[in-house]
Each structure stands twice: as C-alpha cells, then as structure tokens.
C-alpha cells in the first residue's frame, strides 16, 4: 500500500509541475497574442488614415489646381505636333540631344 501511495504522490507532483509549465506557457502565448493584436489594430488604423490622405491627395480638382500652379502645362498647338518620320529625319541628321536643345524636335519645324 505504501508503494501505491508513494507512486500516487510522485505522479501528483509531476502532474502539478507539468500543469504549471503549461499554464505559464499559455500565459506567455496569450501576452504575445495581445501584443500582435494591438499591432494589427494600430496598423489597420494607420491604413485607414493613409487611405483617407490618399483620397484627399488624389482629388481631381486639387490635382488640377496644383498642376496649373506648378507645372504650367498648356494644350498642344497644331504646330507642336510632328510626324514620326520628321523626328527620325532630324535624329539621323544630328544627335538627338542636339536636336532637342536646338528645338527641332519640339517645335515641329518642317511640318
């Protein structure tokens, strides 16, 4: 009878140690899970803010105003459009960089 009691006590102690280790590991994993869930929530909030900023920044009216203010782009005039063959002729005659610098390609001379 004493052997059975001894085995039962040793088994209970071992079971208690294993149960304590499992409980400690579960607590550790739960705290890690909370950290990850907090990071996910923070990132989702950041994504929402970025989407709102992107939506504001890409508004067509705003982009048009900025384009007018900083780029000064104007519609093409009929004499600014040149034929591809004219461009190739100018490139064959001189270096492309020189052609652009002298305005041959952009101005459409010879059209």
PDB file of N, CA and C in Angstrom:
ATOM      1  N   UNK A   1       0.817  -1.186   0.000  1.00  0.00           N
ATOM      2  CA  UNK A   1       0.000   0.000   0.000  1.00  0.00           C
ATOM      3  C   UNK A   1       0.865   1.256   0.000  1.00  0.00           C
ATOM      4  N   UNK A   2       1.989   1.184   0.707  1.00  0.00           N
ATOM      5  CA  UNK A   2       2.860   2.349   0.766  1.00  0.00           C
ATOM      6  C   UNK A   2       3.447   2.653  -0.606  1.00  0.00           C
ATOM      7  N   UNK A   3       3.711   1.659  -1.430  1.00  0.00           N
ATOM      8  CA  UNK A   3       4.268   1.861  -2.769  1.00  0.00           C
ATOM      9  C   UNK A   3       3.263   2.574  -3.666  1.00  0.00           C
ATOM     10  N   UNK A   4       2.003   2.188  -3.565  1.00  0.00           N
ATOM     11  CA  UNK A   4       0.963   2.819  -4.369  1.00  0.00           C
ATOM     12  C   UNK A   4       0.802   4.276  -3.954  1.00  0.00           C
ATOM     13  N   UNK A   5       0.850   4.535  -2.666  1.00  0.00           N
ATOM     14  CA  UNK A   5       0.738   5.910  -2.160  1.00  0.00           C
ATOM     15  C   UNK A   5       1.931   6.733  -2.635  1.00  0.00           C
ATOM     16  N   UNK A   6       3.124   6.163  -2.560  1.00  0.00           N
ATOM     17  CA  UNK A   6       4.339   6.855  -2.997  1.00  0.00           C
ATOM     18  C   UNK A   6       4.260   7.193  -4.494  1.00  0.00           C
ATOM     19  N   UNK A   7       3.837   6.239  -5.309  1.00  0.00           N
ATOM     20  CA  UNK A   7       3.707   6.464  -6.755  1.00  0.00           C
ATOM     21  C   UNK A   7       2.645   7.525  -7.014  1.00  0.00           C
ATOM     22  N   UNK A   8       1.544   7.479  -6.274  1.00  0.00           N
ATOM     23  CA  UNK A   8       0.490   8.480  -6.442  1.00  0.00           C
ATOM     24  C   UNK A   8       0.993   9.880  -6.088  1.00  0.00           C
ATOM     25  N   UNK A   9       1.764  10.010  -5.030  1.00  0.00           N
ATOM     26  CA  UNK A   9       2.303  11.316  -4.613  1.00  0.00           C
ATOM     27  C   UNK A   9       3.293  11.829  -5.659  1.00  0.00           C
ATOM     28  N   UNK A  10       4.212  10.963  -6.117  1.00  0.00           N
ATOM     29  CA  UNK A  10       5.193  11.365  -7.133  1.00  0.00           C
ATOM     30  C   UNK A  10       4.463  11.755  -8.425  1.00  0.00           C
ATOM     31  N   UNK A  11       3.461  10.964  -8.819  1.00  0.00           N
ATOM     32  CA  UNK A  11       2.676  11.283 -10.021  1.00  0.00           C
ATOM     33  C   UNK A  11       1.946  12.608  -9.881  1.00  0.00           C
ATOM     34  N   UNK A  12       1.389  12.869  -8.701  1.00  0.00           N
ATOM     35  CA  UNK A  12       0.689  14.138  -8.469  1.00  0.00           C
ATOM     36  C   UNK A  12       1.660  15.309  -8.551  1.00  0.00           C
ATOM     37  N   UNK A  13       2.847  15.149  -8.001  1.00  0.00           N
ATOM     38  CA  UNK A  13       3.850  16.219  -8.059  1.00  0.00           C
ATOM     39  C   UNK A  13       4.264  16.480  -9.505  1.00  0.00           C
ATOM     40  N   UNK A  14       4.555  15.396 -10.251  1.00  0.00           N
ATOM     41  CA  UNK A  14       4.928  15.558 -11.657  1.00  0.00           C
ATOM     42  C   UNK A  14       3.789  16.203 -12.463  1.00  0.00           C
ATOM     43  N   UNK A  15       2.567  15.762 -12.192  1.00  0.00           N
ATOM     44  CA  UNK A  15       1.423  16.349 -12.887  1.00  0.00           C
ATOM     45  C   UNK A  15       1.292  17.838 -12.561  1.00  0.00           C
ATOM     46  N   UNK A  16       1.519  18.200 -11.319  1.00  0.00           N
ATOM     47  CA  UNK A  16       1.454  19.607 -10.908  1.00  0.00           C
ATOM     48  C   UNK A  16       2.526  20.444 -11.591  1.00  0.00           C
ATOM     49  N   UNK A  17       3.748  19.897 -11.696  1.00  0.00           N
ATOM     50  CA  UNK A  17       4.842  20.628 -12.364  1.00  0.00           C
ATOM     51  C   UNK A  17       4.518  20.821 -13.841  1.00  0.00           C
ATOM     52  N   UNK A  18       4.060  19.766 -14.505  1.00  0.00           N
ATOM     53  CA  UNK A  18       3.719  19.864 -15.929  1.00  0.00           C
ATOM     54  C   UNK A  18       2.566  20.854 -16.114  1.00  0.00           C
ATOM     55  N   UNK A  19       1.569  20.790 -15.250  1.00  0.00           N
ATOM     56  CA  UNK A  19       0.435  21.701 -15.351  1.00  0.00           C
ATOM     57  C   UNK A  19       0.886  23.151 -15.161  1.00  0.00           C
ATOM     58  N   UNK A  20       1.801  23.403 -14.229  1.00  0.00           N
ATOM     59  CA  UNK A  20       2.332  24.742 -14.008  1.00  0.00           C
ATOM     60  C   UNK A  20       3.084  25.241 -15.248  1.00  0.00           C
ATOM     61  N   UNK A  21       3.900  24.382 -15.848  1.00  0.00           N
ATOM     62  CA  UNK A  21       4.643  24.772 -17.048  1.00  0.00           C
ATOM     63  C   UNK A  21       3.693  25.088 -18.215  1.00  0.00           C
ATOM     64  N   UNK A  22       2.658  24.280 -18.376  1.00  0.00           N
ATOM     65  CA  UNK A  22       1.693  24.514 -19.454  1.00  0.00           C
ATOM     66  C   UNK A  22       0.957  25.836 -19.216  1.00  0.00           C
ATOM     67  N   UNK A  23       0.575  26.065 -17.957  1.00  0.00           N
ATOM     68  CA  UNK A  23      -0.120  27.310 -17.630  1.00  0.00           C
ATOM     69  C   UNK A  23       0.785  28.507 -17.892  1.00  0.00           C
ATOM     70  N   UNK A  24       2.051  28.426 -17.522  1.00  0.00           N
ATOM     71  CA  UNK A  24       2.999  29.510 -17.742  1.00  0.00           C
ATOM     72  C   UNK A  24       3.189  29.754 -19.240  1.00  0.00           C
ATOM     73  N   UNK A  25       3.296  28.704 -20.015  1.00  0.00           N
ATOM     74  CA  UNK A  25       3.468  28.833 -21.466  1.00  0.00           C
ATOM     75  C   UNK A  25       2.229  29.456 -22.115  1.00  0.00           C
ATOM     76  N   UNK A  26       1.040  29.044 -21.672  1.00  0.00           N
ATOM     77  CA  UNK A  26      -0.206  29.611 -22.204  1.00  0.00           C
ATOM     78  C   UNK A  26      -0.282  31.097 -21.874  1.00  0.00           C
ATOM     79  N   UNK A  27       0.094  31.476 -20.661  1.00  0.00           N
ATOM     80  CA  UNK A  27       0.089  32.895 -20.283  1.00  0.00           C
ATOM     81  C   UNK A  27       1.046  33.690 -21.160  1.00  0.00           C
ATOM     82  N   UNK A  28       2.209  33.124 -21.421  1.00  0.00           N
ATOM     83  CA  UNK A  28       3.195  33.784 -22.277  1.00  0.00           C
ATOM     84  C   UNK A  28       2.647  33.956 -23.697  1.00  0.00           C
ATOM     85  N   UNK A  29       2.040  32.917 -24.232  1.00  0.00           N
ATOM     86  CA  UNK A  29       1.476  32.988 -25.573  1.00  0.00           C
ATOM     87  C   UNK A  29       0.309  33.985 -25.646  1.00  0.00           C
ATOM     88  N   UNK A  30      -0.504  34.039 -24.587  1.00  0.00           N
ATOM     89  CA  UNK A  30      -1.609  34.996 -24.567  1.00  0.00           C
ATOM     90  C   UNK A  30      -1.099  36.429 -24.567  1.00  0.00           C
ATOM     91  N   UNK A  31      -0.036  36.703 -23.827  1.00  0.00           N
ATOM     92  CA  UNK A  31       0.512  38.057 -23.828  1.00  0.00           C
ATOM     93  C   UNK A  31       1.119  38.395 -25.197  1.00  0.00           C
ATOM     94  N   UNK A  32       1.753  37.423 -25.837  1.00  0.00           N
ATOM     95  CA  UNK A  32       2.275  37.651 -27.189  1.00  0.00           C
ATOM     96  C   UNK A  32       1.134  37.911 -28.169  1.00  0.00           C
ATOM     97  N   UNK A  33       0.046  37.177 -28.006  1.00  0.00           N
ATOM     98  CA  UNK A  33      -1.123  37.359 -28.857  1.00  0.00           C
ATOM     99  C   UNK A  33      -1.706  38.763 -28.689  1.00  0.00           C
ATOM    100  N   UNK A  34      -1.769  39.242 -27.454  1.00  0.00           N
ATOM    101  CA  UNK A  34      -2.284  40.591 -27.210  1.00  0.00           C
ATOM    102  C   UNK A  34      -1.399  41.643 -27.877  1.00  0.00           C
ATOM    103  N   UNK A  35      -0.081  41.444 -27.830  1.00  0.00           N
ATOM    104  CA  UNK A  35       0.841  42.388 -28.474  1.00  0.00           C
ATOM    105  C   UNK A  35       0.616  42.386 -29.979  1.00  0.00           C
ATOM    106  N   UNK A  36       0.490  41.206 -30.565  1.00  0.00           N
ATOM    107  CA  UNK A  36       0.280  41.103 -32.009  1.00  0.00           C
ATOM    108  C   UNK A  36      -1.073  41.714 -32.400  1.00  0.00           C
ATOM    109  N   UNK A  37      -2.116  41.443 -31.629  1.00  0.00           N
ATOM    110  CA  UNK A  37      -3.426  42.016 -31.924  1.00  0.00           C
ATOM    111  C   UNK A  37      -3.400  43.538 -31.818  1.00  0.00           C
ATOM    112  N   UNK A  38      -2.651  44.070 -30.860  1.00  0.00           N
ATOM    113  CA  UNK A  38      -2.511  45.532 -30.724  1.00  0.00           C
ATOM    114  C   UNK A  38      -1.797  46.107 -31.936  1.00  0.00           C
ATOM    115  N   UNK A  39      -0.743  45.439 -32.398  1.00  0.00           N
ATOM    116  CA  UNK A  39      -0.023  45.905 -33.585  1.00  0.00           C
ATOM    117  C   UNK A  39      -0.926  45.861 -34.815  1.00  0.00           C
ATOM    118  N   UNK A  40      -1.737  44.810 -34.930  1.00  0.00           N
ATOM    119  CA  UNK A  40      -2.660  44.700 -36.058  1.00  0.00           C
ATOM    120  C   UNK A  40      -3.666  45.849 -36.028  1.00  0.00           C
ATOM    121  N   UNK A  41      -4.216  46.129 -34.859  1.00  0.00           N
ATOM    122  CA  UNK A  41      -5.188  47.220 -34.736  1.00  0.00           C
ATOM    123  C   UNK A  41      -4.537  48.559 -35.071  1.00  0.00           C
ATOM    124  N   UNK A  42      -3.315  48.777 -34.585  1.00  0.00           N
ATOM    125  CA  UNK A  42      -2.592  50.020 -34.894  1.00  0.00           C
ATOM    126  C   UNK A  42      -2.341  50.144 -36.393  1.00  0.00           C
ATOM    127  N   UNK A  43      -1.913  49.052 -37.017  1.00  0.00           N
ATOM    128  CA  UNK A  43      -1.646  49.080 -38.460  1.00  0.00           C
ATOM    129  C   UNK A  43      -2.925  49.299 -39.265  1.00  0.00           C
ATOM    130  N   UNK A  44      -4.026  48.722 -38.817  1.00  0.00           N
ATOM    131  CA  UNK A  44      -5.292  48.947 -39.509  1.00  0.00           C
ATOM    132  C   UNK A  44      -5.706  50.409 -39.409  1.00  0.00           C
ATOM    133  N   UNK A  45      -5.453  51.019 -38.266  1.00  0.00           N
ATOM    134  CA  UNK A  45      -5.757  52.439 -38.095  1.00  0.00           C
ATOM    135  C   UNK A  45      -4.863  53.287 -38.995  1.00  0.00           C
ATOM    136  N   UNK A  46      -3.592  52.927 -39.081  1.00  0.00           N
ATOM    137  CA  UNK A  46      -2.653  53.642 -39.954  1.00  0.00           C
ATOM    138  C   UNK A  46      -3.097  53.512 -41.409  1.00  0.00           C
ATOM    139  N   UNK A  47      -3.542  52.326 -41.797  1.00  0.00           N
ATOM    140  CA  UNK A  47      -4.010  52.100 -43.169  1.00  0.00           C
ATOM    141  C   UNK A  47      -5.225  52.983 -43.464  1.00  0.00           C
ATOM    142  N   UNK A  48      -6.149  53.081 -42.515  1.00  0.00           N
ATOM    143  CA  UNK A  48      -7.326  53.931 -42.717  1.00  0.00           C
ATOM    144  C   UNK A  48      -6.921  55.394 -42.892  1.00  0.00           C
ATOM    145  N   UNK A  49      -5.977  55.848 -42.076  1.00  0.00           N
ATOM    146  CA  UNK A  49      -5.508  57.236 -42.189  1.00  0.00           C
ATOM    147  C   UNK A  49      -4.825  57.452 -43.532  1.00  0.00           C
ATOM    148  N   UNK A  50      -3.994  56.498 -43.942  1.00  0.00           N
ATOM    149  CA  UNK A  50      -3.302  56.620 -45.233  1.00  0.00           C
ATOM    150  C   UNK A  50      -4.293  56.615 -46.390  1.00  0.00           C
ATOM    151  N   UNK A  51      -5.324  55.797 -46.308  1.00  0.00           N
ATOM    152  CA  UNK A  51      -6.337  55.772 -47.362  1.00  0.00           C
ATOM    153  C   UNK A  51      -7.075  57.111 -47.429  1.00  0.00           C
ATOM    154  N   UNK A  52      -7.366  57.685 -46.277  1.00  0.00           N
ATOM    155  CA  UNK A  52      -8.040  58.987 -46.265  1.00  0.00           C
ATOM    156  C   UNK A  52      -7.127  60.063 -46.843  1.00  0.00           C
ATOM    157  N   UNK A  53      -5.845  60.032 -46.471  1.00  0.00           N
ATOM    158  CA  UNK A  53      -4.899  61.000 -47.022  1.00  0.00           C
ATOM    159  C   UNK A  53      -4.754  60.826 -48.532  1.00  0.00           C
ATOM    160  N   UNK A  54      -4.668  59.582 -48.983  1.00  0.00           N
ATOM    161  CA  UNK A  54      -4.536  59.316 -50.421  1.00  0.00           C
ATOM    162  C   UNK A  54      -5.775  59.809 -51.169  1.00  0.00           C
ATOM    163  N   UNK A  55      -6.934  59.572 -50.583  1.00  0.00           N
ATOM    164  CA  UNK A  55      -8.167  60.031 -51.199  1.00  0.00           C
ATOM    165  C   UNK A  55      -8.163  61.549 -51.328  1.00  0.00           C
ATOM    166  N   UNK A  56      -7.706  62.235 -50.302  1.00  0.00           N
ATOM    167  CA  UNK A  56      -7.633  63.702 -50.360  1.00  0.00           C
ATOM    168  C   UNK A  56      -6.596  64.154 -51.377  1.00  0.00           C
ATOM    169  N   UNK A  57      -5.426  63.542 -51.347  1.00  0.00           N
ATOM    170  CA  UNK A  57      -4.330  63.984 -52.207  1.00  0.00           C
ATOM    171  C   UNK A  57      -4.596  63.745 -53.685  1.00  0.00           C
ATOM    172  N   UNK A  58      -5.433  62.781 -54.007  1.00  0.00           N
ATOM    173  CA  UNK A  58      -5.668  62.448 -55.418  1.00  0.00           C
ATOM    174  C   UNK A  58      -6.994  62.982 -55.942  1.00  0.00           C
ATOM    175  N   UNK A  59      -7.586  63.944 -55.253  1.00  0.00           N
ATOM    176  CA  UNK A  59      -8.815  64.545 -55.750  1.00  0.00           C
ATOM    177  C   UNK A  59      -8.512  65.277 -57.055  1.00  0.00           C
ATOM    178  N   UNK A  60      -9.296  65.035 -58.096  1.00  0.00           N
ATOM    179  CA  UNK A  60      -9.012  65.653 -59.390  1.00  0.00           C
ATOM    180  C   UNK A  60      -8.953  67.179 -59.348  1.00  0.00           C
ATOM    181  N   UNK A  61      -9.856  67.810 -58.606  1.00  0.00           N
ATOM    182  CA  UNK A  61      -9.837  69.273 -58.532  1.00  0.00           C
ATOM    183  C   UNK A  61      -8.543  69.780 -57.900  1.00  0.00           C
ATOM    184  N   UNK A  62      -8.115  69.115 -56.844  1.00  0.00           N
ATOM    185  CA  UNK A  62      -6.879  69.502 -56.170  1.00  0.00           C
ATOM    186  C   UNK A  62      -5.683  69.305 -57.097  1.00  0.00           C
ATOM    187  N   UNK A  63      -5.640  68.173 -57.788  1.00  0.00           N
ATOM    188  CA  UNK A  63      -4.535  67.902 -58.705  1.00  0.00           C
ATOM    189  C   UNK A  63      -4.514  68.909 -59.856  1.00  0.00           C
ATOM    190  N   UNK A  64      -5.689  69.291 -60.337  1.00  0.00           N
ATOM    191  CA  UNK A  64      -5.759  70.274 -61.416  1.00  0.00           C
ATOM    192  C   UNK A  64      -5.216  71.616 -60.945  1.00  0.00           C
ATOM    193  N   UNK A  65      -5.592  72.020 -59.722  1.00  0.00           N
ATOM    194  CA  UNK A  65      -5.109  73.280 -59.171  1.00  0.00           C
ATOM    195  C   UNK A  65      -3.587  73.268 -59.017  1.00  0.00           C
ATOM    196  N   UNK A  66      -3.055  72.167 -58.508  1.00  0.00           N
ATOM    197  CA  UNK A  66      -1.599  72.051 -58.341  1.00  0.00           C
ATOM    198  C   UNK A  66      -0.890  72.018 -59.689  1.00  0.00           C
ATOM    199  N   UNK A  67      -1.494  71.349 -60.645  1.00  0.00           N
ATOM    200  CA  UNK A  67      -0.913  71.291 -61.978  1.00  0.00           C
ATOM    201  C   UNK A  67      -0.845  72.682 -62.592  1.00  0.00           C
ATOM    202  N   UNK A  68      -1.920  73.433 -62.469  1.00  0.00           N
ATOM    203  CA  UNK A  68      -1.934  74.796 -63.001  1.00  0.00           C
ATOM    204  C   UNK A  68      -0.911  75.682 -62.285  1.00  0.00           C
ATOM    205  N   UNK A  69      -0.796  75.474 -60.967  1.00  0.00           N
ATOM    206  CA  UNK A  69       0.092  76.319 -60.179  1.00  0.00           C
ATOM    207  C   UNK A  69       1.568  76.020 -60.439  1.00  0.00           C
ATOM    208  N   UNK A  70       1.945  74.760 -60.517  1.00  0.00           N
ATOM    209  CA  UNK A  70       3.359  74.406 -60.555  1.00  0.00           C
ATOM    210  C   UNK A  70       3.874  73.952 -61.922  1.00  0.00           C
ATOM    211  N   UNK A  71       3.044  73.372 -62.737  1.00  0.00           N
ATOM    212  CA  UNK A  71       3.522  72.825 -63.997  1.00  0.00           C
ATOM    213  C   UNK A  71       3.364  73.776 -65.167  1.00  0.00           C
ATOM    214  N   UNK A  72       2.341  74.574 -65.144  1.00  0.00           N
ATOM    215  CA  UNK A  72       2.121  75.500 -66.236  1.00  0.00           C
ATOM    216  C   UNK A  72       1.911  74.814 -67.573  1.00  0.00           C
ATOM    217  N   UNK A  73       1.279  73.665 -67.557  1.00  0.00           N
ATOM    218  CA  UNK A  73       1.042  72.935 -68.801  1.00  0.00           C
ATOM    219  C   UNK A  73      -0.099  73.574 -69.569  1.00  0.00           C
ATOM    220  N   UNK A  74       0.032  73.573 -70.871  1.00  0.00           N
ATOM    221  CA  UNK A  74      -0.997  74.119 -71.745  1.00  0.00           C
ATOM    222  C   UNK A  74      -1.292  73.091 -72.832  1.00  0.00           C
ATOM    223  N   UNK A  75      -2.460  73.182 -73.448  1.00  0.00           N
ATOM    224  CA  UNK A  75      -2.769  72.245 -74.543  1.00  0.00           C
ATOM    225  C   UNK A  75      -1.784  72.421 -75.701  1.00  0.00           C
ATOM    226  N   UNK A  76      -1.556  71.348 -76.430  1.00  0.00           N
ATOM    227  CA  UNK A  76      -0.666  71.400 -77.588  1.00  0.00           C
ATOM    228  C   UNK A  76      -1.265  72.248 -78.696  1.00  0.00           C
ATOM    229  N   UNK A  77      -0.408  72.974 -79.376  1.00  0.00           N
ATOM    230  CA  UNK A  77      -0.830  73.709 -80.555  1.00  0.00           C
ATOM    231  C   UNK A  77      -0.616  72.830 -81.776  1.00  0.00           C
ATOM    232  N   UNK A  78      -1.269  73.158 -82.876  1.00  0.00           N
ATOM    233  CA  UNK A  78      -1.179  72.314 -84.059  1.00  0.00           C
ATOM    234  C   UNK A  78       0.248  72.264 -84.615  1.00  0.00           C
ATOM    235  N   UNK A  79       1.022  73.326 -84.427  1.00  0.00           N
ATOM    236  CA  UNK A  79       2.384  73.317 -84.969  1.00  0.00           C
ATOM    237  C   UNK A  79       3.388  72.621 -84.048  1.00  0.00           C
ATOM    238  N   UNK A  80       2.935  72.158 -82.893  1.00  0.00           N
ATOM    239  CA  UNK A  80       3.815  71.425 -81.989  1.00  0.00           C
ATOM    240  C   UNK A  80       3.778  69.924 -82.252  1.00  0.00           C
ATOM    241  N   UNK A  81       2.848  69.466 -83.020  1.00  0.00           N
ATOM    242  CA  UNK A  81       2.724  68.047 -83.329  1.00  0.00           C
ATOM    243  C   UNK A  81       3.508  67.771 -84.607  1.00  0.00           C
ATOM    244  N   UNK A  82       4.421  66.813 -84.535  1.00  0.00           N
ATOM    245  CA  UNK A  82       5.231  66.486 -85.706  1.00  0.00           C
ATOM    246  C   UNK A  82       5.047  65.022 -86.056  1.00  0.00           C
ATOM    247  N   UNK A  83       5.337  64.730 -87.287  1.00  0.00           N
ATOM    248  CA  UNK A  83       5.258  63.370 -87.782  1.00  0.00           C
ATOM    249  C   UNK A  83       6.471  62.579 -87.281  1.00  0.00           C
ATOM    250  N   UNK A  84       6.308  61.313 -87.043  1.00  0.00           N
ATOM    251  CA  UNK A  84       7.402  60.476 -86.574  1.00  0.00           C
ATOM    252  C   UNK A  84       8.534  60.444 -87.591  1.00  0.00           C
ATOM    253  N   UNK A  85       8.199  60.462 -88.845  1.00  0.00           N
ATOM    254  CA  UNK A  85       9.242  60.440 -89.875  1.00  0.00           C
ATOM    255  C   UNK A  85      10.093  61.713 -89.832  1.00  0.00           C
ATOM    256  N   UNK A  86       9.470  62.827 -89.483  1.00  0.00           N
ATOM    257  CA  UNK A  86      10.218  64.085 -89.338  1.00  0.00           C
ATOM    258  C   UNK A  86      11.187  63.989 -88.165  1.00  0.00           C
ATOM    259  N   UNK A  87      10.733  63.399 -87.086  1.00  0.00           N
ATOM    260  CA  UNK A  87      11.607  63.210 -85.924  1.00  0.00           C
ATOM    261  C   UNK A  87      12.779  62.321 -86.304  1.00  0.00           C
ATOM    262  N   UNK A  88      12.512  61.247 -87.002  1.00  0.00           N
ATOM    263  CA  UNK A  88      13.582  60.327 -87.392  1.00  0.00           C
ATOM    264  C   UNK A  88      14.567  61.016 -88.347  1.00  0.00           C
ATOM    265  N   UNK A  89      14.065  61.876 -89.234  1.00  0.00           N
ATOM    266  CA  UNK A  89      14.936  62.601 -90.157  1.00  0.00           C
ATOM    267  C   UNK A  89      15.879  63.517 -89.378  1.00  0.00           C
ATOM    268  N   UNK A  90      15.341  64.228 -88.395  1.00  0.00           N
ATOM    269  CA  UNK A  90      16.168  65.133 -87.589  1.00  0.00           C
ATOM    270  C   UNK A  90      17.189  64.338 -86.795  1.00  0.00           C
ATOM    271  N   UNK A  91      16.780  63.208 -86.250  1.00  0.00           N
ATOM    272  CA  UNK A  91      17.700  62.378 -85.465  1.00  0.00           C
ATOM    273  C   UNK A  91      18.812  61.842 -86.353  1.00  0.00           C
ATOM    274  N   UNK A  92      18.478  61.483 -87.556  1.00  0.00           N
ATOM    275  CA  UNK A  92      19.504  60.986 -88.470  1.00  0.00           C
ATOM    276  C   UNK A  92      20.491  62.088 -88.832  1.00  0.00           C
ATOM    277  N   UNK A  93      20.023  63.326 -88.922  1.00  0.00           N
ATOM    278  CA  UNK A  93      20.894  64.420 -89.308  1.00  0.00           C
ATOM    279  C   UNK A  93      21.851  64.823 -88.190  1.00  0.00           C
ATOM    280  N   UNK A  94      21.420  64.775 -86.977  1.00  0.00           N
ATOM    281  CA  UNK A  94      22.265  65.202 -85.870  1.00  0.00           C
ATOM    282  C   UNK A  94      21.916  64.400 -84.621  1.00  0.00           C
ATOM    283  N   UNK A  95      22.680  64.596 -83.625  1.00  0.00           N
ATOM    284  CA  UNK A  95      22.487  63.909 -82.353  1.00  0.00           C
ATOM    285  C   UNK A  95      21.133  64.297 -81.759  1.00  0.00           C
ATOM    286  N   UNK A  96      20.436  63.352 -81.150  1.00  0.00           N
ATOM    287  CA  UNK A  96      19.117  63.612 -80.587  1.00  0.00           C
ATOM    288  C   UNK A  96      19.168  64.696 -79.518  1.00  0.00           C
ATOM    289  N   UNK A  97      20.184  64.693 -78.698  1.00  0.00           N
ATOM    290  CA  UNK A  97      20.299  65.711 -77.655  1.00  0.00           C
ATOM    291  C   UNK A  97      20.422  67.090 -78.281  1.00  0.00           C
ATOM    292  N   UNK A  98      21.242  67.207 -79.324  1.00  0.00           N
ATOM    293  CA  UNK A  98      21.393  68.486 -80.009  1.00  0.00           C
ATOM    294  C   UNK A  98      20.078  68.910 -80.642  1.00  0.00           C
ATOM    295  N   UNK A  99      19.345  67.982 -81.184  1.00  0.00           N
ATOM    296  CA  UNK A  99      18.067  68.295 -81.815  1.00  0.00           C
ATOM    297  C   UNK A  99      17.085  68.851 -80.795  1.00  0.00           C
ATOM    298  N   UNK A 100      17.046  68.247 -79.619  1.00  0.00           N
ATOM    299  CA  UNK A 100      16.138  68.734 -78.574  1.00  0.00           C
ATOM    300  C   UNK A 100      16.588  70.099 -78.081  1.00  0.00           C
ATOM    301  N   UNK A 101      17.885  70.264 -77.851  1.00  0.00           N
ATOM    302  CA  UNK A 101      18.396  71.545 -77.368  1.00  0.00           C
ATOM    303  C   UNK A 101      18.150  72.666 -78.369  1.00  0.00           C
ATOM    304  N   UNK A 102      18.233  72.385 -79.628  1.00  0.00           N
ATOM    305  CA  UNK A 102      18.021  73.409 -80.646  1.00  0.00           C
ATOM    306  C   UNK A 102      16.541  73.598 -80.975  1.00  0.00           C
ATOM    307  N   UNK A 103      15.695  72.754 -80.458  1.00  0.00           N
ATOM    308  CA  UNK A 103      14.266  72.918 -80.642  1.00  0.00           C
ATOM    309  C   UNK A 103      13.714  72.325 -81.910  1.00  0.00           C
ATOM    310  N   UNK A 104      14.486  71.525 -82.640  1.00  0.00           N
ATOM    311  CA  UNK A 104      13.984  70.958 -83.888  1.00  0.00           C
ATOM    312  C   UNK A 104      12.874  69.940 -83.648  1.00  0.00           C
ATOM    313  N   UNK A 105      13.035  69.117 -82.637  1.00  0.00           N
ATOM    314  CA  UNK A 105      12.073  68.052 -82.402  1.00  0.00           C
ATOM    315  C   UNK A 105      10.802  68.610 -81.767  1.00  0.00           C
ATOM    316  N   UNK A 106      10.936  69.556 -80.865  1.00  0.00           N
ATOM    317  CA  UNK A 106       9.795  70.043 -80.114  1.00  0.00           C
ATOM    318  C   UNK A 106       8.960  71.020 -80.939  1.00  0.00           C
ATOM    319  N   UNK A 107       9.612  71.881 -81.700  1.00  0.00           N
ATOM    320  CA  UNK A 107       8.858  72.949 -82.374  1.00  0.00           C
ATOM    321  C   UNK A 107       8.129  72.463 -83.610  1.00  0.00           C
ATOM    322  N   UNK A 108       8.542  71.352 -84.198  1.00  0.00           N
ATOM    323  CA  UNK A 108       7.877  70.822 -85.373  1.00  0.00           C
ATOM    324  C   UNK A 108       8.257  71.569 -86.639  1.00  0.00           C
ATOM    325  N   UNK A 109       9.469  72.087 -86.689  1.00  0.00           N
ATOM    326  CA  UNK A 109       9.915  72.791 -87.898  1.00  0.00           C
ATOM    327  C   UNK A 109       9.899  71.831 -89.084  1.00  0.00           C
ATOM    328  N   UNK A 110       9.515  72.300 -90.217  1.00  0.00           N
ATOM    329  CA  UNK A 110       9.481  71.490 -91.419  1.00  0.00           C
ATOM    330  C   UNK A 110       8.134  70.802 -91.603  1.00  0.00           C
ATOM    331  N   UNK A 111       7.170  70.988 -90.680  1.00  0.00           N
ATOM    332  CA  UNK A 111       5.858  70.352 -90.834  1.00  0.00           C
ATOM    333  C   UNK A 111       4.957  71.200 -91.675  1.00  0.00           C
TER     334      UNK A 111
END
